[in-house]
N, C-alpha and C. Protein backbone atom coordinates (compact mmCIF):
# COMPACT_ATOMS: atom_id res chain seq x y z
N PHE A 1 -4.17 -18.65 33.49
CA PHE A 1 -5.54 -18.98 33.30
C PHE A 1 -5.83 -18.61 31.84
N PRO A 2 -6.48 -19.33 31.04
CA PRO A 2 -6.71 -18.89 29.68
C PRO A 2 -7.59 -17.72 29.64
N VAL A 3 -7.36 -16.95 28.48
CA VAL A 3 -8.37 -15.83 28.27
C VAL A 3 -9.71 -16.28 27.86
N ASN A 4 -10.84 -15.88 28.52
CA ASN A 4 -12.10 -16.39 28.23
C ASN A 4 -13.02 -15.46 27.33
N MET A 5 -12.52 -14.32 27.03
CA MET A 5 -13.29 -13.54 26.01
C MET A 5 -12.35 -12.36 25.61
N VAL A 6 -12.50 -11.96 24.26
CA VAL A 6 -11.83 -10.89 23.57
C VAL A 6 -12.88 -9.85 23.25
N VAL A 7 -12.59 -8.74 23.82
CA VAL A 7 -13.52 -7.63 23.63
C VAL A 7 -12.89 -6.47 22.94
N ILE A 8 -13.48 -6.01 21.65
CA ILE A 8 -13.02 -4.99 20.90
C ILE A 8 -13.91 -3.82 21.18
N ASP A 9 -13.61 -2.75 21.81
CA ASP A 9 -14.43 -1.67 22.04
C ASP A 9 -14.16 -0.49 20.89
N GLU A 10 -15.17 0.37 20.72
CA GLU A 10 -15.09 1.38 19.52
C GLU A 10 -14.71 0.56 18.25
N ALA A 11 -15.33 -0.50 18.04
CA ALA A 11 -15.00 -1.34 16.95
C ALA A 11 -15.01 -0.81 15.55
N HIS A 12 -15.85 0.19 15.46
CA HIS A 12 -15.90 0.89 14.07
C HIS A 12 -14.35 1.42 13.58
N CYS A 13 -13.47 1.67 14.56
CA CYS A 13 -12.19 2.07 14.20
C CYS A 13 -11.55 1.09 13.37
N VAL A 14 -11.81 -0.23 13.56
CA VAL A 14 -11.21 -1.26 12.73
C VAL A 14 -11.38 -1.02 11.41
N SER A 15 -12.55 -0.62 10.92
CA SER A 15 -12.87 -0.33 9.58
C SER A 15 -12.41 1.07 9.25
N GLU A 16 -12.85 2.05 9.97
CA GLU A 16 -12.55 3.49 9.67
C GLU A 16 -11.08 3.84 9.58
N TRP A 17 -10.27 3.30 10.42
CA TRP A 17 -8.85 3.56 10.67
C TRP A 17 -8.08 2.49 9.89
N GLY A 18 -8.55 1.35 10.02
CA GLY A 18 -7.70 0.34 9.32
C GLY A 18 -7.43 0.35 7.86
N HIS A 19 -8.43 0.86 7.07
CA HIS A 19 -8.33 0.96 5.67
C HIS A 19 -7.63 2.28 5.38
N ASP A 20 -7.43 3.17 6.31
CA ASP A 20 -6.85 4.37 6.14
C ASP A 20 -5.25 4.53 6.46
N PHE A 21 -5.07 4.27 7.73
CA PHE A 21 -3.58 4.43 8.29
C PHE A 21 -3.14 3.50 9.35
N ARG A 22 -4.06 2.65 9.59
CA ARG A 22 -3.73 1.64 10.76
C ARG A 22 -3.96 0.29 10.20
N THR A 23 -3.14 -0.08 9.33
CA THR A 23 -3.61 -1.41 8.65
C THR A 23 -3.58 -2.69 9.43
N ALA A 24 -2.77 -2.47 10.76
CA ALA A 24 -2.75 -3.65 11.53
C ALA A 24 -3.96 -3.81 12.26
N TYR A 25 -4.98 -2.76 12.22
CA TYR A 25 -6.27 -2.99 12.87
C TYR A 25 -7.21 -3.96 12.07
N LEU A 26 -6.85 -4.04 10.81
CA LEU A 26 -7.52 -5.28 10.08
C LEU A 26 -7.24 -6.56 10.21
N ARG A 27 -6.12 -6.75 10.97
CA ARG A 27 -5.80 -8.03 11.48
C ARG A 27 -6.21 -8.39 12.89
N ILE A 28 -6.94 -7.53 13.64
CA ILE A 28 -7.23 -7.65 15.07
C ILE A 28 -7.91 -8.96 15.25
N GLY A 29 -8.94 -9.32 14.44
CA GLY A 29 -9.66 -10.62 14.69
C GLY A 29 -8.72 -11.70 14.69
N GLN A 30 -8.07 -11.95 13.65
CA GLN A 30 -7.30 -13.15 13.49
C GLN A 30 -6.15 -13.15 14.48
N THR A 31 -5.42 -11.88 14.74
CA THR A 31 -4.19 -11.99 15.59
C THR A 31 -4.65 -12.07 17.05
N SER A 32 -5.83 -11.41 17.52
CA SER A 32 -6.42 -11.78 18.82
C SER A 32 -6.78 -13.24 19.12
N ARG A 33 -7.28 -13.95 18.16
CA ARG A 33 -7.57 -15.33 18.34
C ARG A 33 -6.35 -16.13 18.35
N ASP A 34 -5.39 -15.86 17.52
CA ASP A 34 -4.16 -16.60 17.62
C ASP A 34 -3.30 -16.49 18.96
N CYS A 35 -3.46 -15.19 19.51
CA CYS A 35 -2.69 -14.94 20.58
C CYS A 35 -3.29 -15.32 21.97
N THR A 36 -4.67 -15.56 21.88
CA THR A 36 -5.35 -16.18 23.17
C THR A 36 -5.88 -17.40 23.09
N LYS A 37 -5.74 -18.16 22.17
CA LYS A 37 -6.05 -19.62 22.11
C LYS A 37 -5.25 -20.35 23.12
N SER A 38 -5.99 -21.46 23.64
CA SER A 38 -5.25 -22.22 24.62
C SER A 38 -5.63 -23.68 24.21
N GLY A 39 -4.56 -24.40 23.52
CA GLY A 39 -4.96 -25.75 22.96
C GLY A 39 -6.00 -25.61 21.95
N SER A 40 -7.09 -26.38 22.15
CA SER A 40 -8.20 -26.34 21.18
C SER A 40 -9.12 -25.12 21.49
N TRP A 41 -8.88 -24.44 22.57
CA TRP A 41 -9.86 -23.42 23.02
C TRP A 41 -9.58 -22.17 22.40
N THR A 42 -10.56 -21.44 21.68
CA THR A 42 -10.35 -20.18 21.17
C THR A 42 -11.51 -19.33 21.76
N PRO A 43 -11.10 -18.15 22.45
CA PRO A 43 -12.21 -17.43 23.20
C PRO A 43 -13.05 -16.77 22.30
N PRO A 44 -14.43 -16.49 22.57
CA PRO A 44 -15.29 -15.83 21.74
C PRO A 44 -14.79 -14.37 21.55
N LEU A 45 -15.15 -13.74 20.59
CA LEU A 45 -15.00 -12.27 20.45
C LEU A 45 -16.11 -11.59 20.28
N ILE A 46 -16.23 -10.44 20.99
CA ILE A 46 -17.37 -9.45 21.01
C ILE A 46 -16.90 -8.15 20.55
N ALA A 47 -17.61 -7.45 19.59
CA ALA A 47 -17.13 -6.18 19.06
C ALA A 47 -18.25 -5.13 19.39
N LEU A 48 -17.86 -4.09 20.05
CA LEU A 48 -18.91 -3.08 20.42
C LEU A 48 -18.69 -1.64 19.92
N THR A 49 -19.85 -1.30 19.46
CA THR A 49 -19.74 0.10 18.84
C THR A 49 -21.08 0.70 18.79
N GLY A 50 -21.18 1.97 18.93
CA GLY A 50 -22.35 2.81 18.89
C GLY A 50 -22.65 3.59 17.72
N THR A 51 -21.64 3.42 16.78
CA THR A 51 -21.79 4.36 15.60
C THR A 51 -21.52 3.69 14.19
N ALA A 52 -21.66 2.38 14.11
CA ALA A 52 -21.49 1.80 12.72
C ALA A 52 -22.66 1.78 11.88
N SER A 53 -22.43 2.47 10.71
CA SER A 53 -23.38 2.53 9.67
C SER A 53 -23.48 0.89 9.03
N ARG A 54 -24.36 0.79 8.20
CA ARG A 54 -24.59 -0.55 7.58
C ARG A 54 -23.26 -1.04 6.92
N ALA A 55 -22.65 -0.20 6.07
CA ALA A 55 -21.45 -0.45 5.29
C ALA A 55 -20.34 -0.84 6.33
N VAL A 56 -20.16 -0.06 7.40
CA VAL A 56 -19.15 -0.27 8.24
C VAL A 56 -19.39 -1.62 9.00
N LEU A 57 -20.65 -1.82 9.33
CA LEU A 57 -21.01 -3.02 9.94
C LEU A 57 -20.63 -4.32 9.23
N ARG A 58 -20.99 -4.26 7.95
CA ARG A 58 -20.72 -5.33 7.05
C ARG A 58 -19.06 -5.49 6.92
N ASP A 59 -18.40 -4.40 7.00
CA ASP A 59 -16.90 -4.56 6.90
C ASP A 59 -16.31 -5.17 8.21
N LEU A 60 -16.82 -4.73 9.27
CA LEU A 60 -16.48 -5.36 10.55
C LEU A 60 -16.64 -6.75 10.68
N GLN A 61 -17.82 -7.27 10.02
CA GLN A 61 -18.12 -8.74 10.05
C GLN A 61 -16.87 -9.42 9.30
N ARG A 62 -16.71 -8.86 8.24
CA ARG A 62 -15.70 -9.45 7.20
C ARG A 62 -14.26 -9.35 8.06
N GLU A 63 -13.88 -8.24 8.46
CA GLU A 63 -12.49 -8.12 9.00
C GLU A 63 -12.31 -8.84 10.28
N LEU A 64 -13.44 -8.92 11.09
CA LEU A 64 -13.35 -9.66 12.42
C LEU A 64 -13.74 -11.16 12.24
N GLN A 65 -14.10 -11.50 11.12
CA GLN A 65 -14.48 -13.04 10.83
C GLN A 65 -15.67 -13.43 11.73
N ILE A 66 -16.62 -12.47 11.86
CA ILE A 66 -17.81 -12.80 12.46
C ILE A 66 -18.91 -13.22 11.38
N THR A 67 -19.18 -14.31 11.21
CA THR A 67 -20.09 -14.93 10.04
C THR A 67 -21.49 -15.24 10.39
N ASP A 68 -21.69 -15.39 11.65
CA ASP A 68 -23.01 -15.83 12.07
C ASP A 68 -23.95 -14.58 11.93
N PHE A 69 -25.01 -14.68 11.16
CA PHE A 69 -25.97 -13.48 11.02
C PHE A 69 -26.62 -13.27 12.46
N GLU A 70 -26.97 -14.19 13.21
CA GLU A 70 -27.52 -13.95 14.51
C GLU A 70 -26.58 -13.33 15.59
N ALA A 71 -25.37 -13.14 15.17
CA ALA A 71 -24.36 -12.69 16.11
C ALA A 71 -24.58 -11.14 16.29
N ILE A 72 -25.42 -10.55 15.23
CA ILE A 72 -25.49 -9.08 15.26
C ILE A 72 -26.52 -8.67 16.07
N VAL A 73 -26.31 -7.87 17.20
CA VAL A 73 -27.12 -7.38 18.06
C VAL A 73 -27.32 -5.85 18.00
N THR A 74 -28.43 -5.32 17.57
CA THR A 74 -28.59 -3.86 17.38
C THR A 74 -29.88 -3.42 18.13
N PRO A 75 -29.82 -2.09 18.60
CA PRO A 75 -31.06 -1.58 19.31
C PRO A 75 -32.14 -1.33 18.31
N ALA A 76 -33.31 -1.22 18.76
CA ALA A 76 -34.54 -0.96 17.94
C ALA A 76 -34.50 0.43 17.36
N THR A 77 -33.79 1.39 18.11
CA THR A 77 -33.61 2.66 17.43
C THR A 77 -32.37 3.30 18.05
N PHE A 78 -31.69 4.11 17.22
CA PHE A 78 -30.48 4.85 17.61
C PHE A 78 -30.88 6.26 18.08
N ASP A 79 -32.11 6.54 18.22
CA ASP A 79 -32.50 7.94 18.65
C ASP A 79 -32.17 8.24 20.11
N ARG A 80 -31.59 9.32 20.45
CA ARG A 80 -31.22 9.63 21.85
C ARG A 80 -31.99 10.92 22.09
N HIS A 81 -32.94 10.91 22.81
CA HIS A 81 -33.76 12.01 23.17
C HIS A 81 -33.03 13.10 23.98
N GLU A 82 -32.08 12.83 24.61
CA GLU A 82 -31.39 13.79 25.42
C GLU A 82 -30.45 14.68 24.62
N LEU A 83 -30.13 14.29 23.29
CA LEU A 83 -29.27 14.98 22.50
C LEU A 83 -30.13 15.83 21.50
N GLN A 84 -29.67 17.02 21.26
CA GLN A 84 -30.13 17.91 20.20
C GLN A 84 -29.15 18.28 19.09
N PHE A 85 -29.54 18.34 17.90
CA PHE A 85 -28.74 18.55 16.65
C PHE A 85 -29.21 19.80 15.95
N GLU A 86 -28.17 20.43 15.31
CA GLU A 86 -28.64 21.60 14.52
C GLU A 86 -27.53 21.79 13.50
N VAL A 87 -27.92 21.82 12.31
CA VAL A 87 -27.00 21.99 11.10
C VAL A 87 -27.28 23.36 10.59
N LEU A 88 -26.23 24.21 10.34
CA LEU A 88 -26.25 25.48 9.79
C LEU A 88 -25.39 25.51 8.43
N LEU A 89 -26.03 25.93 7.46
CA LEU A 89 -25.36 26.07 6.23
C LEU A 89 -24.93 27.43 5.91
N GLU A 90 -23.73 27.73 5.86
CA GLU A 90 -23.26 29.14 5.61
C GLU A 90 -22.09 29.33 4.69
N LYS A 91 -21.97 30.27 4.00
CA LYS A 91 -20.85 30.54 3.17
C LYS A 91 -19.47 30.65 4.07
N SER A 92 -18.44 30.37 3.35
CA SER A 92 -17.23 30.19 4.03
C SER A 92 -16.87 31.60 4.72
N GLU A 93 -17.24 32.69 3.91
CA GLU A 93 -16.83 34.00 4.41
C GLU A 93 -17.68 34.55 5.66
N HIS A 94 -18.65 33.74 5.76
CA HIS A 94 -19.59 34.12 6.90
C HIS A 94 -19.41 33.22 8.13
N LYS A 95 -18.57 32.11 8.03
CA LYS A 95 -18.64 31.00 9.08
C LYS A 95 -18.16 31.49 10.43
N LYS A 96 -17.06 32.37 10.51
CA LYS A 96 -16.66 32.87 11.57
C LYS A 96 -17.70 33.80 12.36
N ARG A 97 -18.32 34.60 11.67
CA ARG A 97 -19.15 35.50 12.45
C ARG A 97 -20.35 34.69 12.93
N VAL A 98 -20.76 33.50 12.18
CA VAL A 98 -21.91 32.77 12.74
C VAL A 98 -21.50 31.97 13.82
N LEU A 99 -20.29 31.54 13.84
CA LEU A 99 -19.78 30.77 15.02
C LEU A 99 -19.78 31.77 16.26
N GLU A 100 -19.16 33.03 15.99
CA GLU A 100 -19.27 33.94 17.20
C GLU A 100 -20.64 34.17 17.80
N GLY A 101 -21.64 34.35 16.84
CA GLY A 101 -22.94 34.55 17.31
C GLY A 101 -23.59 33.36 18.01
N TYR A 102 -23.26 32.34 17.50
CA TYR A 102 -23.67 30.95 18.00
C TYR A 102 -23.31 30.67 19.44
N LEU A 103 -21.90 30.86 19.57
CA LEU A 103 -21.28 30.60 20.94
C LEU A 103 -21.75 31.72 21.92
N LEU A 104 -21.79 32.85 21.58
CA LEU A 104 -21.90 33.95 22.53
C LEU A 104 -23.43 34.33 22.83
N ASN A 105 -24.35 33.83 21.92
CA ASN A 105 -25.77 34.29 22.17
C ASN A 105 -26.65 33.03 22.07
N ARG A 106 -26.60 32.20 21.02
CA ARG A 106 -27.70 31.17 20.87
C ARG A 106 -27.56 30.18 22.01
N LEU A 107 -26.15 29.66 21.99
CA LEU A 107 -26.03 28.67 23.16
C LEU A 107 -26.30 28.96 24.48
N PRO A 108 -25.80 30.12 25.00
CA PRO A 108 -26.09 30.56 26.31
C PRO A 108 -27.76 30.71 26.49
N ALA A 109 -28.39 31.22 25.45
CA ALA A 109 -29.78 31.31 25.56
C ALA A 109 -30.59 29.92 25.62
N ALA A 110 -30.07 29.04 24.80
CA ALA A 110 -30.68 27.68 24.94
C ALA A 110 -30.50 27.05 26.23
N PHE A 111 -29.58 27.47 27.02
CA PHE A 111 -29.41 26.96 28.46
C PHE A 111 -29.97 27.94 29.64
N GLY A 112 -30.65 29.11 28.97
CA GLY A 112 -31.27 29.99 29.86
C GLY A 112 -30.29 30.76 30.76
N LEU A 113 -29.13 31.09 30.23
CA LEU A 113 -28.14 31.58 30.99
C LEU A 113 -27.54 32.94 30.23
N PRO A 114 -27.04 33.83 30.99
CA PRO A 114 -26.21 34.94 30.34
C PRO A 114 -24.88 34.29 30.04
N ARG A 115 -24.23 34.99 28.95
CA ARG A 115 -23.02 34.41 28.53
C ARG A 115 -21.80 34.39 29.61
N GLU A 116 -21.92 35.38 30.47
CA GLU A 116 -20.93 35.38 31.54
C GLU A 116 -20.81 34.24 32.40
N VAL A 117 -22.15 33.81 32.71
CA VAL A 117 -22.27 32.63 33.54
C VAL A 117 -21.99 31.29 32.76
N PHE A 118 -22.58 31.32 31.59
CA PHE A 118 -22.46 30.07 30.75
C PHE A 118 -20.94 29.67 30.44
N PHE A 119 -20.14 30.76 30.18
CA PHE A 119 -18.63 30.44 30.08
C PHE A 119 -17.73 30.69 31.19
N GLY A 120 -18.47 30.89 32.49
CA GLY A 120 -17.69 31.10 33.60
C GLY A 120 -17.23 29.68 34.09
N ARG A 121 -16.29 29.85 35.08
CA ARG A 121 -15.67 28.54 35.70
C ARG A 121 -16.61 28.28 36.94
N ASP A 122 -17.01 27.05 37.07
CA ASP A 122 -17.85 26.73 38.25
C ASP A 122 -17.62 25.25 38.65
N GLY A 123 -16.33 24.82 38.60
CA GLY A 123 -15.92 23.44 38.86
C GLY A 123 -16.52 22.48 38.10
N ARG A 124 -17.11 21.40 38.56
CA ARG A 124 -17.76 20.33 37.71
C ARG A 124 -19.05 20.79 37.20
N PHE A 125 -19.58 21.87 37.62
CA PHE A 125 -20.79 22.43 36.90
C PHE A 125 -20.49 23.44 35.81
N THR A 126 -19.37 23.45 35.47
CA THR A 126 -18.89 24.40 34.38
C THR A 126 -19.46 23.94 33.12
N HIS A 127 -20.15 24.80 32.19
CA HIS A 127 -20.63 24.29 30.94
C HIS A 127 -19.48 24.32 29.92
N CYS A 128 -19.00 23.05 29.79
CA CYS A 128 -17.75 22.93 28.87
C CYS A 128 -18.11 22.57 27.50
N GLY A 129 -17.33 22.83 26.53
CA GLY A 129 -17.84 22.47 25.09
C GLY A 129 -16.44 22.29 24.30
N LEU A 130 -16.73 21.62 23.11
CA LEU A 130 -15.65 21.48 22.15
C LEU A 130 -16.02 22.01 20.87
N VAL A 131 -15.00 22.74 20.14
CA VAL A 131 -15.11 23.20 18.86
C VAL A 131 -14.17 22.42 18.14
N PHE A 132 -14.65 21.51 17.18
CA PHE A 132 -13.70 20.68 16.22
C PHE A 132 -13.52 21.54 14.89
N CYS A 133 -12.30 21.43 14.64
CA CYS A 133 -11.81 21.99 13.28
C CYS A 133 -11.23 20.77 12.49
N LEU A 134 -11.31 21.11 11.19
CA LEU A 134 -10.69 19.95 10.42
C LEU A 134 -9.26 20.03 10.34
N TYR A 135 -8.60 21.21 10.49
CA TYR A 135 -7.25 21.32 10.42
C TYR A 135 -6.55 22.09 11.59
N ALA A 136 -5.22 21.86 11.77
CA ALA A 136 -4.58 22.71 12.84
C ALA A 136 -4.32 24.10 12.36
N ASN A 137 -3.99 24.30 11.12
CA ASN A 137 -3.63 25.75 10.61
C ASN A 137 -4.54 26.07 9.43
N GLY A 138 -4.44 27.39 9.00
CA GLY A 138 -5.29 27.82 7.95
C GLY A 138 -6.44 28.58 8.53
N PRO A 139 -7.21 29.31 7.71
CA PRO A 139 -8.23 30.02 8.03
C PRO A 139 -9.45 29.42 8.71
N PHE A 140 -9.47 28.09 8.51
CA PHE A 140 -10.61 27.45 9.29
C PHE A 140 -10.03 26.30 10.30
N GLY A 141 -8.73 26.72 10.79
CA GLY A 141 -7.94 25.68 11.56
C GLY A 141 -8.08 26.11 13.03
N VAL A 142 -7.58 25.26 13.92
CA VAL A 142 -7.66 25.32 15.34
C VAL A 142 -7.00 26.79 15.71
N GLU A 143 -5.86 27.12 15.29
CA GLU A 143 -5.30 28.30 15.84
C GLU A 143 -6.08 29.48 15.38
N ASP A 144 -6.63 29.55 14.40
CA ASP A 144 -7.33 30.77 13.97
C ASP A 144 -8.63 30.81 14.84
N ILE A 145 -9.35 29.89 15.19
CA ILE A 145 -10.61 29.89 15.96
C ILE A 145 -10.25 30.11 17.33
N TYR A 146 -9.09 29.51 17.87
CA TYR A 146 -8.56 29.78 19.34
C TYR A 146 -8.31 31.14 19.44
N ARG A 147 -7.69 31.94 18.50
CA ARG A 147 -7.42 33.36 18.67
C ARG A 147 -8.73 34.10 18.73
N THR A 148 -9.66 33.72 17.82
CA THR A 148 -10.97 34.37 17.80
C THR A 148 -11.61 34.32 19.17
N LEU A 149 -11.76 33.22 19.76
CA LEU A 149 -12.42 33.09 21.01
C LEU A 149 -11.57 33.80 22.05
N ALA A 150 -10.33 33.90 22.05
CA ALA A 150 -9.61 34.55 22.97
C ALA A 150 -9.99 35.99 22.92
N GLU A 151 -10.16 36.59 21.82
CA GLU A 151 -10.45 38.13 21.47
C GLU A 151 -11.84 38.21 22.06
N LEU A 152 -12.67 37.18 22.06
CA LEU A 152 -14.20 37.44 22.48
C LEU A 152 -14.15 37.30 24.11
N GLY A 153 -13.05 36.85 24.68
CA GLY A 153 -13.08 36.78 26.09
C GLY A 153 -13.52 35.45 26.59
N VAL A 154 -13.49 34.44 25.71
CA VAL A 154 -13.79 33.08 26.18
C VAL A 154 -12.54 32.39 26.75
N LYS A 155 -12.53 31.86 27.75
CA LYS A 155 -11.32 31.00 28.17
C LYS A 155 -11.41 29.72 27.52
N ALA A 156 -10.34 29.55 26.44
CA ALA A 156 -10.29 28.47 25.68
C ALA A 156 -8.98 27.87 25.57
N GLY A 157 -8.74 26.63 25.23
CA GLY A 157 -7.46 26.09 25.02
C GLY A 157 -7.54 25.43 23.54
N SER A 158 -6.30 25.02 23.02
CA SER A 158 -6.23 24.59 21.67
C SER A 158 -5.51 23.19 21.69
N TYR A 159 -5.85 22.31 20.87
CA TYR A 159 -5.32 21.05 20.85
C TYR A 159 -5.34 20.46 19.45
N SER A 160 -4.20 19.93 18.91
CA SER A 160 -4.07 19.32 17.67
C SER A 160 -2.96 18.34 17.66
N GLY A 161 -3.12 17.35 16.91
CA GLY A 161 -2.14 16.20 16.77
C GLY A 161 -0.82 16.78 16.23
N ARG A 162 -0.89 17.60 15.11
CA ARG A 162 0.21 18.18 14.43
C ARG A 162 0.46 19.45 15.12
N LYS A 163 1.85 19.80 15.36
CA LYS A 163 2.26 21.16 15.82
C LYS A 163 1.70 22.24 14.94
N PRO A 164 0.98 23.34 15.52
CA PRO A 164 0.63 24.31 14.76
C PRO A 164 1.66 25.27 14.19
N GLY A 165 1.43 26.06 13.06
CA GLY A 165 2.60 26.89 12.63
C GLY A 165 3.02 27.98 13.52
N SER A 166 2.12 28.49 14.32
CA SER A 166 2.44 29.50 15.21
C SER A 166 3.21 29.18 16.49
N PHE A 167 3.36 27.87 16.67
CA PHE A 167 3.95 27.36 17.85
C PHE A 167 5.47 27.39 17.77
N HIS A 168 6.15 28.06 18.63
CA HIS A 168 7.57 28.16 18.50
C HIS A 168 8.20 27.14 19.54
N GLY A 169 8.64 26.01 18.95
CA GLY A 169 9.23 25.08 19.87
C GLY A 169 9.27 23.73 19.04
N SER A 170 9.81 22.65 19.58
CA SER A 170 10.04 21.47 18.89
C SER A 170 8.69 20.60 18.99
N ASP A 171 8.74 19.52 18.35
CA ASP A 171 7.67 18.49 18.41
C ASP A 171 7.34 18.02 19.93
N ARG A 172 8.46 17.80 20.48
CA ARG A 172 8.47 17.38 21.84
C ARG A 172 7.78 18.51 22.84
N ASP A 173 8.17 19.67 22.63
CA ASP A 173 7.62 20.78 23.30
C ASP A 173 6.11 20.85 23.19
N TRP A 174 5.73 20.59 21.83
CA TRP A 174 4.27 20.68 21.63
C TRP A 174 3.55 19.45 22.24
N ASN A 175 4.10 18.37 22.19
CA ASN A 175 3.43 17.23 22.88
C ASN A 175 3.27 17.54 24.36
N GLU A 176 4.21 18.08 25.08
CA GLU A 176 4.10 18.49 26.44
C GLU A 176 2.97 19.56 26.61
N THR A 177 3.03 20.54 25.71
CA THR A 177 1.92 21.45 25.81
C THR A 177 0.61 20.97 25.58
N LYS A 178 0.43 20.21 24.61
CA LYS A 178 -1.01 19.84 24.43
C LYS A 178 -1.40 18.84 25.51
N GLN A 179 -0.44 18.21 26.13
CA GLN A 179 -0.84 17.19 27.32
C GLN A 179 -1.28 18.09 28.55
N ALA A 180 -0.48 19.06 28.66
CA ALA A 180 -0.96 20.12 29.78
C ALA A 180 -2.05 20.70 29.47
N THR A 181 -2.62 21.02 28.26
CA THR A 181 -3.78 21.58 27.83
C THR A 181 -4.96 20.74 28.15
N GLU A 182 -4.71 19.39 27.79
CA GLU A 182 -5.92 18.41 28.14
C GLU A 182 -6.15 18.39 29.61
N VAL A 183 -4.95 18.35 30.45
CA VAL A 183 -5.26 18.24 31.83
C VAL A 183 -6.02 19.45 32.36
N ARG A 184 -5.62 20.73 31.96
CA ARG A 184 -6.26 21.91 32.26
C ARG A 184 -7.89 21.92 31.85
N PHE A 185 -8.07 21.34 30.65
CA PHE A 185 -9.46 21.35 30.29
C PHE A 185 -10.18 20.31 31.18
N LYS A 186 -9.71 19.20 31.45
CA LYS A 186 -10.38 18.14 32.39
C LYS A 186 -10.48 18.74 33.76
N ARG A 187 -9.77 19.60 34.11
CA ARG A 187 -9.85 20.33 35.38
C ARG A 187 -10.78 21.45 35.36
N ASP A 188 -11.33 21.75 34.22
CA ASP A 188 -12.22 22.97 34.01
C ASP A 188 -11.54 24.18 34.11
N GLU A 189 -10.32 24.32 33.80
CA GLU A 189 -9.56 25.60 33.74
C GLU A 189 -9.96 26.18 32.42
N TYR A 190 -10.25 25.53 31.34
CA TYR A 190 -10.83 25.96 30.11
C TYR A 190 -12.25 25.52 30.02
N SER A 191 -13.17 26.48 29.64
CA SER A 191 -14.51 26.06 29.46
C SER A 191 -14.70 25.52 27.93
N VAL A 192 -13.87 25.83 27.05
CA VAL A 192 -13.98 25.37 25.62
C VAL A 192 -12.64 25.09 25.24
N LEU A 193 -12.64 23.88 24.42
CA LEU A 193 -11.33 23.38 23.78
C LEU A 193 -11.47 23.37 22.36
N VAL A 194 -10.72 24.09 21.73
CA VAL A 194 -10.61 24.05 20.19
C VAL A 194 -9.71 23.00 19.69
N ALA A 195 -10.16 22.04 18.93
CA ALA A 195 -9.38 20.85 18.68
C ALA A 195 -9.67 20.22 17.38
N THR A 196 -8.73 19.52 16.94
CA THR A 196 -8.79 18.57 15.66
C THR A 196 -9.43 17.28 16.26
N LYS A 197 -9.66 16.39 15.39
CA LYS A 197 -10.00 15.03 15.95
C LYS A 197 -9.14 14.19 16.57
N ALA A 198 -7.96 14.74 16.77
CA ALA A 198 -6.93 14.19 17.53
C ALA A 198 -7.35 13.94 18.90
N PHE A 199 -8.31 14.96 19.38
CA PHE A 199 -8.83 14.82 20.73
C PHE A 199 -10.11 14.12 20.87
N GLY A 200 -10.46 13.48 19.66
CA GLY A 200 -11.90 13.07 19.65
C GLY A 200 -12.18 11.49 20.16
N MET A 201 -10.99 10.80 20.62
CA MET A 201 -11.31 9.57 21.13
C MET A 201 -11.16 9.57 22.69
N GLY A 202 -11.95 8.76 23.19
CA GLY A 202 -11.90 8.59 24.76
C GLY A 202 -12.15 9.71 25.64
N ILE A 203 -12.95 10.61 25.39
CA ILE A 203 -13.31 11.60 26.13
C ILE A 203 -14.09 11.16 27.37
N ASP A 204 -13.44 11.35 28.59
CA ASP A 204 -14.22 11.08 29.76
C ASP A 204 -14.38 12.27 30.75
N LYS A 205 -15.43 13.11 30.34
CA LYS A 205 -15.70 14.38 30.88
C LYS A 205 -17.17 14.63 31.04
N PRO A 206 -17.82 14.47 32.25
CA PRO A 206 -19.21 14.52 32.29
C PRO A 206 -19.81 15.96 32.00
N ASN A 207 -19.24 16.91 32.09
CA ASN A 207 -19.79 18.30 32.03
C ASN A 207 -19.66 18.82 30.63
N ILE A 208 -19.41 18.01 29.62
CA ILE A 208 -19.37 18.66 28.28
C ILE A 208 -20.83 18.76 27.80
N ARG A 209 -21.15 20.05 27.50
CA ARG A 209 -22.60 20.39 27.27
C ARG A 209 -22.79 20.56 25.83
N PHE A 210 -21.85 20.84 24.90
CA PHE A 210 -22.02 21.01 23.58
C PHE A 210 -20.69 20.72 22.79
N THR A 211 -21.02 20.34 21.56
CA THR A 211 -19.88 20.22 20.52
C THR A 211 -20.38 20.88 19.30
N VAL A 212 -19.35 21.54 18.67
CA VAL A 212 -19.46 22.39 17.44
C VAL A 212 -18.51 21.83 16.46
N HIS A 213 -19.08 21.52 15.31
CA HIS A 213 -18.03 21.06 14.14
C HIS A 213 -18.08 22.16 13.10
N TYR A 214 -16.84 22.91 13.19
CA TYR A 214 -16.73 23.95 12.34
C TYR A 214 -16.52 23.60 10.91
N GLY A 215 -16.35 22.45 10.54
CA GLY A 215 -16.36 21.97 9.12
C GLY A 215 -17.05 20.62 8.99
N LEU A 216 -17.63 20.31 7.96
CA LEU A 216 -18.43 19.11 7.76
C LEU A 216 -17.74 17.80 7.89
N PRO A 217 -18.10 16.95 8.97
CA PRO A 217 -17.33 15.73 9.06
C PRO A 217 -17.55 14.84 7.86
N ALA A 218 -16.54 14.03 7.50
CA ALA A 218 -16.60 13.33 6.20
C ALA A 218 -17.78 12.06 6.34
N SER A 219 -18.12 11.70 7.45
CA SER A 219 -18.96 10.58 7.61
C SER A 219 -19.71 10.70 9.00
N ILE A 220 -20.68 9.74 9.27
CA ILE A 220 -21.20 9.76 10.53
C ILE A 220 -20.34 9.06 11.50
N GLU A 221 -19.35 8.22 11.07
CA GLU A 221 -18.48 7.75 12.12
C GLU A 221 -17.54 8.76 12.39
N ALA A 222 -17.03 9.74 11.40
CA ALA A 222 -16.14 10.72 11.73
C ALA A 222 -16.89 11.71 12.68
N PHE A 223 -18.11 12.09 12.44
CA PHE A 223 -18.91 12.97 13.48
C PHE A 223 -18.95 12.41 14.90
């Protein structure tokens, strides 16, 4: 049977990643049409994203060869009332203490719970969260913050695409370790996962209650 539609989900990645390190993404529009056409029939293409800025949207149109102005469908507003945001501006030397206070005091208070309950394990009712770091190593990296949370008594895991410097083992060993960490986090064995953006795609976990960016993301799409 011929393919009757081509769907590109998380379509902003065509622009955000294609120009950086996955250049094949920039050919998705033409390649998908070439591979799915049947005789004179070329299936329609739909690109879906919730995070495209105006500049990225224009780039998507160009790269995916979507030329009809009326083909763009956007919501009246991107405001999501169920989400709350807070931006804290701090000096680098104060960031770790601010993070400790935020996780141990302000977050549990926002949910009306003592910290022991907030970070306790309670199956699918566990209040899980993510702390994103820009790097795997260094003073603002995953390993440093992971150790800090462990010292504070928070049950946390660490995840990064690149093997951290403190890990004693091969790249294969690290891949197996981080896969096991991902499984344990999804099973609520960790209430917090400290990670780079390597963990940022395709999170399917309904009890994530907070995310903290320990460094300023480069763009709204990166956020």
